[in-house]
Amino acid sequence: MLRVNAFYTSKNLLNKFENIEYNNYMATISMFYGILIRMYLGKKEHNPPHIHAIYQSKKAIFDIKTGEKTEGNLPSDKEKLVSAWIILHKDELLADWELAQNGELPYNIDPLK
């Protein structure tokens, strides 16, 4: 079985592979102000629904339902941006979480403008 560990964002590229195991795949669903927003695919990902935010060498996890940081460190101004973005896109993020839990690629979400 082929295991995907790279950060591909194109669904077309992934559709070319057969028998892909998505459990270690982290999809980038948005990017703004130098912050990458990612979500793991696969049923092994734990609740509550959350996203991973990466800024330079800093990483943090944010709860989708509350917009609050639950783990990690980002500069405070970047944390505020991520929290605001989550609140604005909560419904889309929860829909993406459901897709990801089923091993499907989540949709890209508009960046913070």
C-alpha atoms as a PDB file:
ATOM      1  CA  MET A   1       0.000   0.000   0.000  1.00  0.00           C
ATOM      2  CA  LEU A   2       1.298   3.458  -0.850  1.00  0.00           C
ATOM      3  CA  ARG A   3       1.546   5.816   2.132  1.00  0.00           C
ATOM      4  CA  VAL A   4       1.245   9.553   1.490  1.00  0.00           C
ATOM      5  CA  ASN A   5       3.511  11.677   3.657  1.00  0.00           C
ATOM      6  CA  ALA A   6       4.113  14.631   1.366  1.00  0.00           C
ATOM      7  CA  PHE A   7       2.037  17.806   1.449  1.00  0.00           C
ATOM      8  CA  TYR A   8       0.087  17.576  -1.805  1.00  0.00           C
ATOM      9  CA  THR A   9      -2.797  19.981  -2.182  1.00  0.00           C
ATOM     10  CA  SER A  10      -4.097  18.921  -5.586  1.00  0.00           C
ATOM     11  CA  LYS A  11      -6.940  16.413  -5.555  1.00  0.00           C
ATOM     12  CA  ASN A  12      -6.108  15.536  -9.157  1.00  0.00           C
ATOM     13  CA  LEU A  13      -2.598  14.493  -8.192  1.00  0.00           C
ATOM     14  CA  LEU A  14      -3.875  12.295  -5.376  1.00  0.00           C
ATOM     15  CA  ASN A  15      -6.533  10.729  -7.595  1.00  0.00           C
ATOM     16  CA  LYS A  16      -3.743   9.312  -9.779  1.00  0.00           C
ATOM     17  CA  PHE A  17      -2.648   6.999  -6.951  1.00  0.00           C
ATOM     18  CA  GLU A  18      -4.441   3.781  -6.114  1.00  0.00           C
ATOM     19  CA  ASN A  19      -4.685   2.181  -2.674  1.00  0.00           C
ATOM     20  CA  ILE A  20      -3.561   5.286  -0.806  1.00  0.00           C
ATOM     21  CA  GLU A  21      -3.546   5.208   2.968  1.00  0.00           C
ATOM     22  CA  TYR A  22      -4.373   8.736   4.156  1.00  0.00           C
ATOM     23  CA  ASN A  23      -3.816   8.324   7.891  1.00  0.00           C
ATOM     24  CA  ASN A  24      -0.589  10.338   7.953  1.00  0.00           C
ATOM     25  CA  TYR A  25      -1.563  12.872   5.311  1.00  0.00           C
ATOM     26  CA  MET A  26      -1.910  16.492   6.392  1.00  0.00           C
ATOM     27  CA  ALA A  27      -3.813  18.652   3.903  1.00  0.00           C
ATOM     28  CA  THR A  28      -3.224  22.396   3.708  1.00  0.00           C
ATOM     29  CA  ILE A  29      -6.675  23.988   3.630  1.00  0.00           C
ATOM     30  CA  SER A  30      -5.746  27.678   3.846  1.00  0.00           C
ATOM     31  CA  MET A  31      -2.841  30.065   4.051  1.00  0.00           C
ATOM     32  CA  PHE A  32      -2.753  33.721   5.129  1.00  0.00           C
ATOM     33  CA  TYR A  33      -0.218  36.154   6.563  1.00  0.00           C
ATOM     34  CA  GLY A  34       2.454  33.451   6.449  1.00  0.00           C
ATOM     35  CA  ILE A  35       0.324  31.006   8.455  1.00  0.00           C
ATOM     36  CA  LEU A  36      -0.433  27.544   7.067  1.00  0.00           C
ATOM     37  CA  ILE A  37      -3.684  25.923   8.207  1.00  0.00           C
ATOM     38  CA  ARG A  38      -3.655  22.147   7.988  1.00  0.00           C
ATOM     39  CA  MET A  39      -5.850  19.194   8.869  1.00  0.00           C
ATOM     40  CA  TYR A  40      -4.947  15.507   9.162  1.00  0.00           C
ATOM     41  CA  LEU A  41      -6.917  12.943   7.210  1.00  0.00           C
ATOM     42  CA  GLY A  42      -8.086   9.664   8.692  1.00  0.00           C
ATOM     43  CA  LYS A  43     -10.211   8.242  11.455  1.00  0.00           C
ATOM     44  CA  LYS A  44      -7.239   8.065  13.797  1.00  0.00           C
ATOM     45  CA  GLU A  45      -7.337  11.837  14.305  1.00  0.00           C
ATOM     46  CA  HIS A  46      -8.698  12.582  17.753  1.00  0.00           C
ATOM     47  CA  ASN A  47     -11.617  14.766  18.814  1.00  0.00           C
ATOM     48  CA  PRO A  48     -12.478  17.550  19.429  1.00  0.00           C
ATOM     49  CA  PRO A  49     -12.388  18.840  15.853  1.00  0.00           C
ATOM     50  CA  HIS A  50      -9.260  20.934  15.418  1.00  0.00           C
ATOM     51  CA  ILE A  51      -6.803  22.426  12.953  1.00  0.00           C
ATOM     52  CA  HIS A  52      -3.043  22.752  12.980  1.00  0.00           C
ATOM     53  CA  ALA A  53      -1.572  26.227  12.421  1.00  0.00           C
ATOM     54  CA  ILE A  54       2.058  26.607  11.400  1.00  0.00           C
ATOM     55  CA  TYR A  55       3.938  29.891  11.310  1.00  0.00           C
ATOM     56  CA  GLN A  56       7.669  29.730  10.592  1.00  0.00           C
ATOM     57  CA  SER A  57       8.991  27.174  13.091  1.00  0.00           C
ATOM     58  CA  LYS A  58       6.037  27.591  15.489  1.00  0.00           C
ATOM     59  CA  LYS A  59       3.066  25.209  15.610  1.00  0.00           C
ATOM     60  CA  ALA A  60      -0.242  25.265  17.451  1.00  0.00           C
ATOM     61  CA  ILE A  61      -3.525  23.370  17.539  1.00  0.00           C
ATOM     62  CA  PHE A  62      -6.854  25.220  17.656  1.00  0.00           C
ATOM     63  CA  ASP A  63     -10.288  23.882  18.565  1.00  0.00           C
ATOM     64  CA  ILE A  64     -12.674  24.476  15.663  1.00  0.00           C
ATOM     65  CA  LYS A  65     -15.775  24.843  17.841  1.00  0.00           C
ATOM     66  CA  THR A  66     -14.302  27.492  20.146  1.00  0.00           C
ATOM     67  CA  GLY A  67     -11.488  29.024  18.109  1.00  0.00           C
ATOM     68  CA  GLU A  68      -9.203  28.664  21.127  1.00  0.00           C
ATOM     69  CA  LYS A  69      -5.627  27.416  21.074  1.00  0.00           C
ATOM     70  CA  THR A  70      -5.352  24.091  22.870  1.00  0.00           C
ATOM     71  CA  GLU A  71      -1.698  23.280  22.343  1.00  0.00           C
ATOM     72  CA  GLY A  72       1.533  24.780  21.033  1.00  0.00           C
ATOM     73  CA  ASN A  73       2.838  28.288  20.511  1.00  0.00           C
ATOM     74  CA  LEU A  74       2.364  30.992  17.917  1.00  0.00           C
ATOM     75  CA  PRO A  75       3.137  34.693  18.253  1.00  0.00           C
ATOM     76  CA  SER A  76       0.126  36.333  19.943  1.00  0.00           C
ATOM     77  CA  ASP A  77      -0.805  38.418  16.886  1.00  0.00           C
ATOM     78  CA  LYS A  78      -0.862  35.247  14.735  1.00  0.00           C
ATOM     79  CA  GLU A  79      -2.949  33.397  17.343  1.00  0.00           C
ATOM     80  CA  LYS A  80      -5.542  36.183  17.177  1.00  0.00           C
ATOM     81  CA  LEU A  81      -5.635  35.975  13.383  1.00  0.00           C
ATOM     82  CA  VAL A  82      -6.119  32.199  13.436  1.00  0.00           C
ATOM     83  CA  SER A  83      -8.862  32.412  16.088  1.00  0.00           C
ATOM     84  CA  ALA A  84     -10.705  35.089  14.109  1.00  0.00           C
ATOM     85  CA  TRP A  85     -10.407  33.036  10.914  1.00  0.00           C
ATOM     86  CA  ILE A  86     -11.784  29.949  12.663  1.00  0.00           C
ATOM     87  CA  ILE A  87     -14.817  31.868  13.937  1.00  0.00           C
ATOM     88  CA  LEU A  88     -15.505  33.216  10.436  1.00  0.00           C
ATOM     89  CA  HIS A  89     -15.219  29.772   8.823  1.00  0.00           C
ATOM     90  CA  LYS A  90     -16.499  27.485  11.590  1.00  0.00           C
ATOM     91  CA  ASP A  91     -19.173  25.752   9.480  1.00  0.00           C
ATOM     92  CA  GLU A  92     -16.766  25.129   6.594  1.00  0.00           C
ATOM     93  CA  LEU A  93     -14.125  23.815   8.997  1.00  0.00           C
ATOM     94  CA  LEU A  94     -16.567  21.407  10.630  1.00  0.00           C
ATOM     95  CA  ALA A  95     -17.613  20.155   7.181  1.00  0.00           C
ATOM     96  CA  ASP A  96     -13.934  19.689   6.276  1.00  0.00           C
ATOM     97  CA  TRP A  97     -13.386  17.826   9.569  1.00  0.00           C
ATOM     98  CA  GLU A  98     -16.119  15.352   8.617  1.00  0.00           C
ATOM     99  CA  LEU A  99     -14.537  14.805   5.198  1.00  0.00           C
ATOM    100  CA  ALA A 100     -11.100  14.328   6.743  1.00  0.00           C
ATOM    101  CA  GLN A 101     -12.446  11.848   9.316  1.00  0.00           C
ATOM    102  CA  ASN A 102     -13.761   9.773   6.417  1.00  0.00           C
ATOM    103  CA  GLY A 103     -10.382   9.829   4.683  1.00  0.00           C
ATOM    104  CA  GLU A 104     -11.498  12.344   2.065  1.00  0.00           C
ATOM    105  CA  LEU A 105      -9.579  15.459   1.105  1.00  0.00           C
ATOM    106  CA  PRO A 106     -11.023  18.574   2.729  1.00  0.00           C
ATOM    107  CA  TYR A 107     -11.843  21.607   0.610  1.00  0.00           C
ATOM    108  CA  ASN A 108      -9.702  24.718   0.600  1.00  0.00           C
ATOM    109  CA  ILE A 109     -11.145  27.574   2.659  1.00  0.00           C
ATOM    110  CA  ASP A 110     -10.735  31.243   1.813  1.00  0.00           C
ATOM    111  CA  PRO A 111      -7.899  32.947   3.630  1.00  0.00           C
ATOM    112  CA  LEU A 112      -8.274  35.831   6.060  1.00  0.00           C
ATOM    113  CA  LYS A 113      -8.259  39.066   4.098  1.00  0.00           C
END
